[in-house]
Amino acid sequence: MGLLSKLVAVKATLMGLGVGVAGGIALAAAAHAAIAIDSRK
């Protein structure tokens, strides 16, 4: 395995983690908003 392919793999992993974190934050925000709307009724 070459150094370049290792760097690409690491970059892809970091990008995947970034997307996962962003998605988790978005989900948490959406859930929080849904709970807030629900409790306002």
Protein backbone atom coordinates (compact mmCIF):
# COMPACT_ATOMS: atom_id res chain seq x y z
CA MET A 1 0.00 0.00 0.00
CA GLY A 2 1.50 3.28 -1.12
CA LEU A 3 1.74 6.42 0.97
CA LEU A 4 -0.66 8.27 -1.35
CA SER A 5 -3.41 5.66 -1.01
CA LYS A 6 -2.95 5.76 2.78
CA LEU A 7 -3.41 9.55 2.76
CA VAL A 8 -6.52 9.20 0.57
CA ALA A 9 -7.93 6.57 2.94
CA VAL A 10 -7.27 8.78 5.99
CA LYS A 11 -8.83 11.78 4.25
CA ALA A 12 -11.91 9.74 3.28
CA THR A 13 -12.23 8.50 6.88
CA LEU A 14 -11.97 12.04 8.28
CA MET A 15 -14.54 13.29 5.76
CA GLY A 16 -16.85 10.43 6.72
CA LEU A 17 -16.47 11.30 10.41
CA GLY A 18 -17.13 14.97 9.65
CA VAL A 19 -20.32 14.07 7.80
CA GLY A 20 -21.34 11.78 10.67
CA VAL A 21 -20.78 14.51 13.27
CA ALA A 22 -22.64 17.11 11.17
CA GLY A 23 -25.50 14.65 10.64
CA GLY A 24 -25.63 13.86 14.35
CA ILE A 25 -25.77 17.57 15.23
CA ALA A 26 -28.52 18.13 12.65
CA LEU A 27 -30.50 15.16 14.02
CA ALA A 28 -30.09 16.40 17.60
CA ALA A 29 -31.22 19.90 16.57
CA ALA A 30 -34.23 18.49 14.73
CA ALA A 31 -35.17 16.29 17.70
CA HIS A 32 -34.77 19.26 20.07
CA ALA A 33 -36.99 21.41 17.85
CA ALA A 34 -39.60 18.65 17.63
CA ILE A 35 -39.64 18.28 21.43
CA ALA A 36 -39.91 22.07 21.87
CA ILE A 37 -42.82 22.27 19.40
CA ASP A 38 -44.47 19.25 21.04
CA SER A 39 -44.25 20.71 24.56
CA ARG A 40 -45.71 24.03 23.38
CA LYS A 41 -49.08 22.44 22.51
